[in-house]
Amino acid sequence: MKRLTIILLFITNISIAQDNSSWDCFRGNPSLTGTTSVNLSKPLKLLWSFKTEDAIKSSPIIHNGNIYIGSNDGYIYSISDKGTLNWKYKSATSIESPPLYLDNTIFAGSLEGVVVALDAKTGKLKWEYKTEGQISGSANWVVTSDKKSKRIIIGSYDFFLHCIDVATGKSVWKYETENYINGSPSTNGKLAIFGGCDGNLYLLDVATGKLADKIEIGTYMAASAAIADDKAYFGNYDGDFYCVDLSTKKIVWKFDGTAPILSSPAVSVDKVIVGSQDKNVYCFEKSTGKVLWKFKTLGKVDSSPVITKNTVIVGSGDGRIYMIDLNKGEKIWSYEIGKPISSTPAVIKNMVVVGCEDGSVYGFGIK
């Protein structure tokens, strides 16, 4: 029954985020699977671009036709689906953390270590929460067991995973690891799963912040794990990629790579896709870890891929965004921006949005 409950919570979280008109959080849902049923079988065209004043490493989110993204110029931006500015909010320093949309509020962390909650319509500050180290990963969210309140969870370079009350901005709990936390925690509604620079994968009870278990993964983990079917999928800085069973805490399969993996995986019914700094996008068979195909780009792939109905959308350090056939691993389309893309695309019906280190946000679609 316990295992069934976890799976049902996972399915519930997926259904909340994926109505094809919004991409409310990093990787599209709280389990961070990076998947959508949107059909993007045709080549895309550039619809618009929006210029900020510095490089963009943050990843966009989309809600009700509005795009939210951070920039190294220190601003959080709200942009319309036509590429025009709605509002911008100035923080003290760069925003590399992807925003989160929840309950008409935008949550984002800064390299100064401050989490802000902004009114999604106006950009007005609701509250701020200070950590003692920089924040690079996105916030995620959970609902309390009585369903009366919501909480966000976010990692910091102060070694802590912080749990914050959405309504008040007050700390609920925090859990100390042994080094920096880089990525975003994934959750199935019961566990928060994340890694960091101490070489461990942590499994925390989201209600109490107590450690459920931890698994040694050899070296530090800069990306985020995805949760699907009671398993966690993730890569580390040695280039190894893992599938871990969350019930038994055992490694189901492992791929020995050759270069760091800073990309977070996308997980579909039968495939797992991830980028690597060896310039390849890898497609693994979900059940066995067998490499089904790999797609070579001309630069490091730190951008996290998104799986659509039949394609994979991903950026590369070679300055291009790619659309790849999900089953064949062949290029369908690409667009050259010219500067590295480490931002993860947000994908909704008829639109793909991505940030670039040239300081611009790009909206692609079918004209």
Protein backbone atom coordinates (compact mmCIF):
# COMPACT_ATOMS: atom_id res chain seq x y z
CA MET A 1 0.00 0.00 0.00
CA LYS A 2 2.87 2.38 0.78
CA ARG A 3 4.34 1.91 -2.71
CA LEU A 4 0.93 2.39 -4.33
CA THR A 5 0.45 5.65 -2.41
CA ILE A 6 3.75 7.03 -3.69
CA ILE A 7 2.89 6.15 -7.29
CA LEU A 8 -0.55 7.73 -7.01
CA LEU A 9 0.99 10.91 -5.59
CA PHE A 10 3.40 10.97 -8.53
CA ILE A 11 0.55 10.64 -11.04
CA THR A 12 -1.35 13.42 -9.28
CA ASN A 13 1.62 15.77 -9.44
CA ILE A 14 2.07 15.11 -13.15
CA SER A 15 -1.58 15.85 -13.93
CA ILE A 16 -1.50 19.14 -12.04
CA ALA A 17 1.25 20.63 -14.21
CA GLN A 18 0.61 19.28 -17.67
CA ASP A 19 -2.41 20.72 -19.40
CA ASN A 20 -0.27 21.74 -22.43
CA SER A 21 -1.02 25.45 -21.92
CA SER A 22 1.33 26.03 -18.98
CA TRP A 23 4.82 25.00 -17.86
CA ASP A 24 4.66 26.15 -14.26
CA CYS A 25 7.97 24.86 -12.93
CA PHE A 26 11.44 23.69 -13.89
CA ARG A 27 11.07 20.44 -15.88
CA GLY A 28 7.29 20.90 -16.12
CA ASN A 29 6.12 19.08 -12.98
CA PRO A 30 7.18 18.45 -9.36
CA SER A 31 8.66 15.06 -10.29
CA LEU A 32 10.95 16.90 -12.74
CA THR A 33 10.36 14.43 -15.59
CA GLY A 34 10.62 17.04 -18.34
CA THR A 35 7.81 15.54 -20.42
CA THR A 36 4.72 16.83 -22.19
CA SER A 37 2.13 15.40 -24.59
CA VAL A 38 2.47 18.46 -26.86
CA ASN A 39 2.93 17.45 -30.51
CA LEU A 40 5.88 19.29 -32.10
CA SER A 41 6.45 17.20 -35.20
CA LYS A 42 6.99 20.16 -37.55
CA PRO A 43 10.03 22.48 -37.74
CA LEU A 44 9.62 25.66 -35.70
CA LYS A 45 10.12 29.31 -36.60
CA LEU A 46 11.33 32.18 -34.45
CA LEU A 47 8.30 34.19 -33.32
CA TRP A 48 10.02 36.79 -31.15
CA SER A 49 13.01 37.56 -28.94
CA PHE A 50 13.33 39.65 -25.78
CA LYS A 51 16.64 41.22 -24.74
CA THR A 52 17.87 41.50 -21.14
CA GLU A 53 21.09 43.19 -20.02
CA ASP A 54 23.23 40.13 -19.26
CA ALA A 55 23.57 36.40 -19.89
CA ILE A 56 20.64 34.09 -19.14
CA LYS A 57 21.32 30.78 -17.39
CA SER A 58 17.88 30.62 -15.78
CA SER A 59 15.17 28.51 -17.42
CA PRO A 60 11.75 29.94 -18.34
CA ILE A 61 8.35 28.92 -17.06
CA ILE A 62 5.01 29.74 -18.69
CA HIS A 63 1.59 30.33 -17.16
CA ASN A 64 -1.54 31.64 -18.88
CA GLY A 65 0.44 33.06 -21.77
CA ASN A 66 3.06 34.80 -19.63
CA ILE A 67 6.72 33.82 -19.49
CA TYR A 68 8.80 34.23 -16.31
CA ILE A 69 12.60 34.01 -16.29
CA GLY A 70 15.65 35.30 -14.43
CA SER A 71 18.75 36.99 -15.86
CA ASN A 72 22.29 37.60 -14.69
CA ASP A 73 21.43 41.31 -14.86
CA GLY A 74 19.65 40.75 -11.52
CA TYR A 75 16.09 41.03 -12.79
CA ILE A 76 13.20 38.57 -12.81
CA TYR A 77 11.15 39.22 -15.93
CA SER A 78 7.52 38.66 -16.85
CA ILE A 79 7.10 38.62 -20.64
CA SER A 80 3.95 38.19 -22.72
CA ASP A 81 3.61 35.43 -25.30
CA LYS A 82 4.25 38.14 -27.92
CA GLY A 83 7.66 38.91 -26.42
CA THR A 84 6.75 42.20 -24.71
CA LEU A 85 7.57 43.17 -21.12
CA ASN A 86 4.85 42.87 -18.49
CA TRP A 87 7.05 43.74 -15.51
CA LYS A 88 10.51 43.19 -14.07
CA TYR A 89 11.70 42.88 -10.48
CA LYS A 90 15.21 43.90 -9.41
CA SER A 91 17.11 41.67 -7.01
CA ALA A 92 20.52 42.38 -5.52
CA THR A 93 22.39 39.99 -7.81
CA SER A 94 22.09 37.45 -10.63
CA ILE A 95 19.11 35.12 -10.97
CA GLU A 96 20.21 31.73 -12.33
CA SER A 97 17.46 29.83 -10.54
CA PRO A 98 14.46 28.93 -12.72
CA PRO A 99 11.28 30.51 -11.31
CA LEU A 100 8.30 28.57 -9.97
CA TYR A 101 4.65 29.56 -10.47
CA LEU A 102 2.25 28.58 -7.68
CA ASP A 103 -0.97 30.21 -6.46
CA ASN A 104 -0.57 33.43 -8.46
CA THR A 105 2.94 33.82 -7.09
CA ILE A 106 6.40 33.62 -8.64
CA PHE A 107 9.16 32.14 -6.46
CA ALA A 108 12.85 32.45 -7.39
CA GLY A 109 16.24 32.38 -5.68
CA SER A 110 19.27 34.56 -6.33
CA LEU A 111 23.03 34.10 -6.17
CA GLU A 112 22.84 36.30 -3.06
CA GLY A 113 20.92 33.45 -1.41
CA VAL A 114 17.55 35.18 -1.16
CA VAL A 115 14.23 33.56 -2.14
CA VAL A 116 11.58 36.05 -3.23
CA ALA A 117 7.82 35.60 -3.61
CA LEU A 118 6.34 37.98 -6.19
CA ASP A 119 2.78 38.67 -7.27
CA ALA A 120 2.58 37.02 -10.70
CA LYS A 121 0.44 39.80 -12.19
CA THR A 122 2.29 42.85 -10.89
CA GLY A 123 5.75 41.70 -9.78
CA LYS A 124 5.17 43.20 -6.33
CA LEU A 125 7.19 41.62 -3.52
CA LYS A 126 5.12 39.51 -1.09
CA TRP A 127 7.97 38.25 1.07
CA GLU A 128 11.62 37.25 1.00
CA TYR A 129 13.51 34.46 2.74
CA LYS A 130 17.27 34.58 3.29
CA THR A 131 19.65 31.63 3.18
CA GLU A 132 23.39 31.80 3.85
CA GLY A 133 24.60 30.79 0.39
CA GLN A 134 23.87 31.21 -3.31
CA ILE A 135 20.84 29.56 -4.89
CA SER A 136 21.29 28.03 -8.33
CA GLY A 137 18.42 25.51 -8.48
CA SER A 138 14.70 26.05 -8.71
CA ALA A 139 12.17 25.81 -5.91
CA ASN A 140 9.71 22.91 -5.95
CA TRP A 141 6.47 22.52 -4.02
CA VAL A 142 4.44 20.10 -1.91
CA VAL A 143 1.08 20.06 -0.15
CA THR A 144 0.79 19.29 3.57
CA SER A 145 -0.87 16.01 4.55
CA ASP A 146 -4.03 17.83 5.67
CA LYS A 147 -4.09 19.66 2.29
CA LYS A 148 -4.55 22.98 4.09
CA SER A 149 -1.26 24.61 3.13
CA LYS A 150 1.54 24.47 0.59
CA ARG A 151 5.28 24.61 1.02
CA ILE A 152 8.22 25.21 -1.27
CA ILE A 153 11.51 23.35 -0.99
CA ILE A 154 14.78 24.79 -2.30
CA GLY A 155 18.50 24.07 -1.95
CA SER A 156 21.30 26.51 -1.16
CA TYR A 157 25.08 26.71 -1.06
CA ASP A 158 24.70 27.02 2.73
CA PHE A 159 24.46 23.17 2.63
CA PHE A 160 20.75 23.21 3.60
CA LEU A 161 17.58 22.14 1.85
CA HIS A 162 15.01 24.69 3.03
CA CYS A 163 11.27 24.13 3.40
CA ILE A 164 9.29 27.40 3.42
CA ASP A 165 5.62 28.11 4.04
CA VAL A 166 4.13 29.52 0.82
CA ALA A 167 1.73 31.92 2.52
CA THR A 168 4.05 33.43 5.14
CA GLY A 169 7.61 32.94 3.87
CA LYS A 170 8.57 31.41 7.23
CA SER A 171 10.86 28.42 7.63
CA VAL A 172 9.09 25.12 8.29
CA TRP A 173 12.24 23.00 8.48
CA LYS A 174 15.71 22.78 6.98
CA TYR A 175 18.02 19.82 6.50
CA GLU A 176 21.81 20.14 6.51
CA THR A 177 23.93 18.16 4.04
CA GLU A 178 27.73 18.07 3.87
CA ASN A 179 28.29 20.47 0.97
CA TYR A 180 26.65 22.77 -1.61
CA ILE A 181 23.26 21.92 -3.10
CA ASN A 182 23.22 22.86 -6.79
CA GLY A 183 20.12 21.39 -8.43
CA SER A 184 16.40 21.40 -7.74
CA PRO A 185 14.79 18.84 -5.45
CA SER A 186 12.28 16.54 -7.10
CA THR A 187 9.29 15.21 -5.19
CA ASN A 188 6.58 12.58 -5.45
CA GLY A 189 4.55 14.32 -2.73
CA LYS A 190 6.08 12.29 0.07
CA LEU A 191 9.84 12.37 -0.50
CA ALA A 192 12.18 15.16 -1.58
CA ILE A 193 15.04 13.75 -3.65
CA PHE A 194 18.21 15.71 -4.41
CA GLY A 195 21.99 15.58 -4.54
CA GLY A 196 24.84 18.01 -4.12
CA CYS A 197 28.58 18.39 -3.85
CA ASP A 198 28.98 15.80 -1.07
CA GLY A 199 28.44 12.83 -3.41
CA ASN A 200 25.17 11.63 -1.91
CA LEU A 201 21.60 11.32 -3.14
CA TYR A 202 19.25 12.34 -0.32
CA LEU A 203 15.72 11.12 0.32
CA LEU A 204 13.90 13.34 2.83
CA ASP A 205 10.42 13.12 4.31
CA VAL A 206 8.80 16.32 3.02
CA ALA A 207 6.49 16.60 6.04
CA THR A 208 9.22 16.55 8.69
CA GLY A 209 12.50 17.20 6.89
CA LYS A 210 13.86 13.99 8.42
CA LEU A 211 16.25 11.79 6.45
CA ALA A 212 14.58 8.72 5.00
CA ASP A 213 17.77 7.45 3.37
CA LYS A 214 20.83 8.49 1.41
CA ILE A 215 22.70 6.73 -1.36
CA GLU A 216 26.37 7.28 -2.14
CA ILE A 217 26.93 8.24 -5.80
CA GLY A 218 30.69 8.71 -5.85
CA THR A 219 31.05 12.37 -6.71
CA TYR A 220 29.04 15.55 -6.72
CA MET A 221 25.74 15.98 -8.48
CA ALA A 222 25.13 19.34 -10.15
CA ALA A 223 21.82 18.51 -11.83
CA SER A 224 18.43 17.32 -10.60
CA ALA A 225 16.91 13.86 -10.37
CA ALA A 226 13.68 12.86 -12.10
CA ILE A 227 11.17 10.55 -10.40
CA ALA A 228 9.09 8.04 -12.37
CA ASP A 229 7.50 4.71 -11.42
CA ASP A 230 9.07 4.76 -7.94
CA LYS A 231 12.55 5.19 -9.40
CA ALA A 232 14.98 8.12 -9.53
CA TYR A 233 17.09 8.93 -12.60
CA PHE A 234 20.13 11.23 -12.42
CA GLY A 235 23.71 11.84 -13.53
CA ASN A 236 26.83 13.00 -11.69
CA TYR A 237 30.00 14.96 -12.40
CA ASP A 238 31.96 11.81 -13.31
CA GLY A 239 29.55 11.26 -16.19
CA ASP A 240 27.84 8.29 -14.60
CA PHE A 241 24.08 8.00 -14.97
CA TYR A 242 21.90 6.07 -12.52
CA CYS A 243 18.51 4.49 -12.13
CA VAL A 244 17.75 3.87 -8.43
CA ASP A 245 14.77 2.01 -7.00
CA LEU A 246 13.26 4.21 -4.27
CA SER A 247 11.70 1.27 -2.41
CA THR A 248 14.77 -0.94 -2.14
CA LYS A 249 17.32 1.93 -2.33
CA LYS A 250 19.27 -0.21 -4.80
CA ILE A 251 20.85 0.79 -8.11
CA VAL A 252 18.80 -0.79 -10.91
CA TRP A 253 21.23 0.16 -13.66
CA LYS A 254 24.19 2.47 -14.23
CA PHE A 255 25.77 3.96 -17.35
CA ASP A 256 29.48 4.78 -17.16
CA GLY A 257 29.98 8.03 -19.04
CA THR A 258 33.11 9.95 -19.93
CA ALA A 259 32.25 13.59 -19.15
CA PRO A 260 30.31 15.51 -16.48
CA ILE A 261 26.52 15.49 -16.63
CA LEU A 262 25.05 18.87 -15.65
CA SER A 263 21.84 18.19 -17.56
CA SER A 264 18.71 16.92 -15.78
CA PRO A 265 17.03 13.92 -17.42
CA ALA A 266 13.68 13.72 -19.18
CA VAL A 267 11.74 10.50 -18.56
CA SER A 268 8.93 9.09 -20.73
CA VAL A 269 7.07 5.78 -20.60
CA ASP A 270 10.02 3.81 -21.97
CA LYS A 271 12.92 6.21 -22.50
CA VAL A 272 15.28 8.43 -20.51
CA ILE A 273 17.02 11.36 -22.26
CA VAL A 274 19.93 13.39 -20.88
CA GLY A 275 22.69 15.69 -22.15
CA SER A 276 26.39 15.39 -21.41
CA GLN A 277 29.47 17.59 -21.57
CA ASP A 278 30.86 15.08 -24.10
CA LYS A 279 28.56 17.00 -26.52
CA ASN A 280 26.05 14.15 -26.86
CA VAL A 281 22.37 13.78 -26.05
CA TYR A 282 21.81 10.20 -24.82
CA CYS A 283 18.64 8.13 -25.04
CA PHE A 284 18.51 5.15 -22.66
CA GLU A 285 16.03 2.33 -22.52
CA LYS A 286 14.21 3.10 -19.29
CA SER A 287 14.10 -0.45 -17.92
CA THR A 288 17.66 -1.56 -18.71
CA GLY A 289 19.86 1.50 -19.31
CA LYS A 290 20.75 0.30 -22.81
CA VAL A 291 21.80 3.19 -25.07
CA LEU A 292 19.13 3.34 -27.79
CA TRP A 293 20.74 6.27 -29.59
CA LYS A 294 22.96 9.28 -29.05
CA PHE A 295 22.85 12.58 -30.90
CA LYS A 296 26.06 14.54 -31.39
CA THR A 297 26.07 18.35 -31.12
CA LEU A 298 29.05 20.66 -31.51
CA GLY A 299 29.14 21.80 -27.88
CA LYS A 300 28.60 20.69 -24.29
CA VAL A 301 24.97 19.82 -23.55
CA ASP A 302 24.21 21.31 -20.11
CA SER A 303 20.65 22.23 -21.12
CA SER A 304 18.07 19.73 -19.88
CA PRO A 305 16.04 18.05 -22.65
CA VAL A 306 12.26 18.02 -22.90
CA ILE A 307 10.39 15.03 -24.31
CA THR A 308 7.29 15.92 -26.34
CA LYS A 309 4.92 13.45 -27.99
CA ASN A 310 7.39 12.41 -30.71
CA THR A 311 10.43 14.64 -30.29
CA VAL A 312 13.17 15.88 -27.95
CA ILE A 313 13.82 19.62 -27.55
CA VAL A 314 17.23 20.63 -26.15
CA GLY A 315 19.79 23.43 -26.25
CA SER A 316 23.55 23.06 -26.68
CA GLY A 317 26.74 24.93 -25.92
CA ASP A 318 27.20 25.18 -29.69
CA GLY A 319 24.58 27.95 -29.68
CA ARG A 320 21.78 25.92 -31.23
CA ILE A 321 18.42 24.64 -30.07
CA TYR A 322 17.57 21.23 -31.52
CA MET A 323 14.46 19.20 -32.26
CA ILE A 324 15.37 15.49 -32.40
CA ASP A 325 13.18 12.53 -33.39
CA LEU A 326 12.40 10.70 -30.14
CA ASN A 327 12.54 7.20 -31.63
CA LYS A 328 15.29 7.56 -34.23
CA GLY A 329 17.62 10.10 -32.63
CA GLU A 330 17.79 12.07 -35.88
CA LYS A 331 17.67 15.85 -36.24
CA ILE A 332 14.33 17.26 -37.38
CA TRP A 333 15.18 20.94 -36.97
CA SER A 334 17.68 23.30 -35.37
CA TYR A 335 18.04 27.06 -34.96
CA GLU A 336 21.39 28.75 -34.49
CA ILE A 337 21.39 31.58 -31.95
CA GLY A 338 25.16 31.77 -31.77
CA LYS A 339 25.85 31.77 -28.02
CA PRO A 340 25.76 28.80 -25.60
CA ILE A 341 22.36 27.62 -24.36
CA SER A 342 22.38 26.13 -20.85
CA SER A 343 18.79 27.18 -20.18
CA THR A 344 16.16 24.44 -20.30
CA PRO A 345 13.30 24.94 -22.79
CA ALA A 346 9.72 25.42 -21.61
CA VAL A 347 7.28 23.69 -23.97
CA ILE A 348 3.55 24.33 -24.33
CA LYS A 349 1.10 23.95 -27.19
CA ASN A 350 2.38 25.88 -30.23
CA MET A 351 5.33 27.42 -28.39
CA VAL A 352 8.86 26.66 -27.18
CA VAL A 353 10.67 29.26 -25.05
CA VAL A 354 14.35 29.21 -24.07
CA GLY A 355 16.93 31.59 -22.65
CA CYS A 356 20.44 32.07 -24.06
CA GLU A 357 23.77 33.30 -22.75
CA ASP A 358 23.55 36.14 -25.28
CA GLY A 359 21.08 37.69 -22.80
CA SER A 360 17.91 37.10 -24.81
CA VAL A 361 14.78 35.00 -24.41
CA TYR A 362 13.55 33.32 -27.61
CA GLY A 363 10.02 32.21 -28.47
CA PHE A 364 9.58 29.60 -31.21
CA GLY A 365 6.40 28.26 -32.72
CA ILE A 366 4.56 27.25 -35.87
CA LYS A 367 3.60 30.25 -38.00
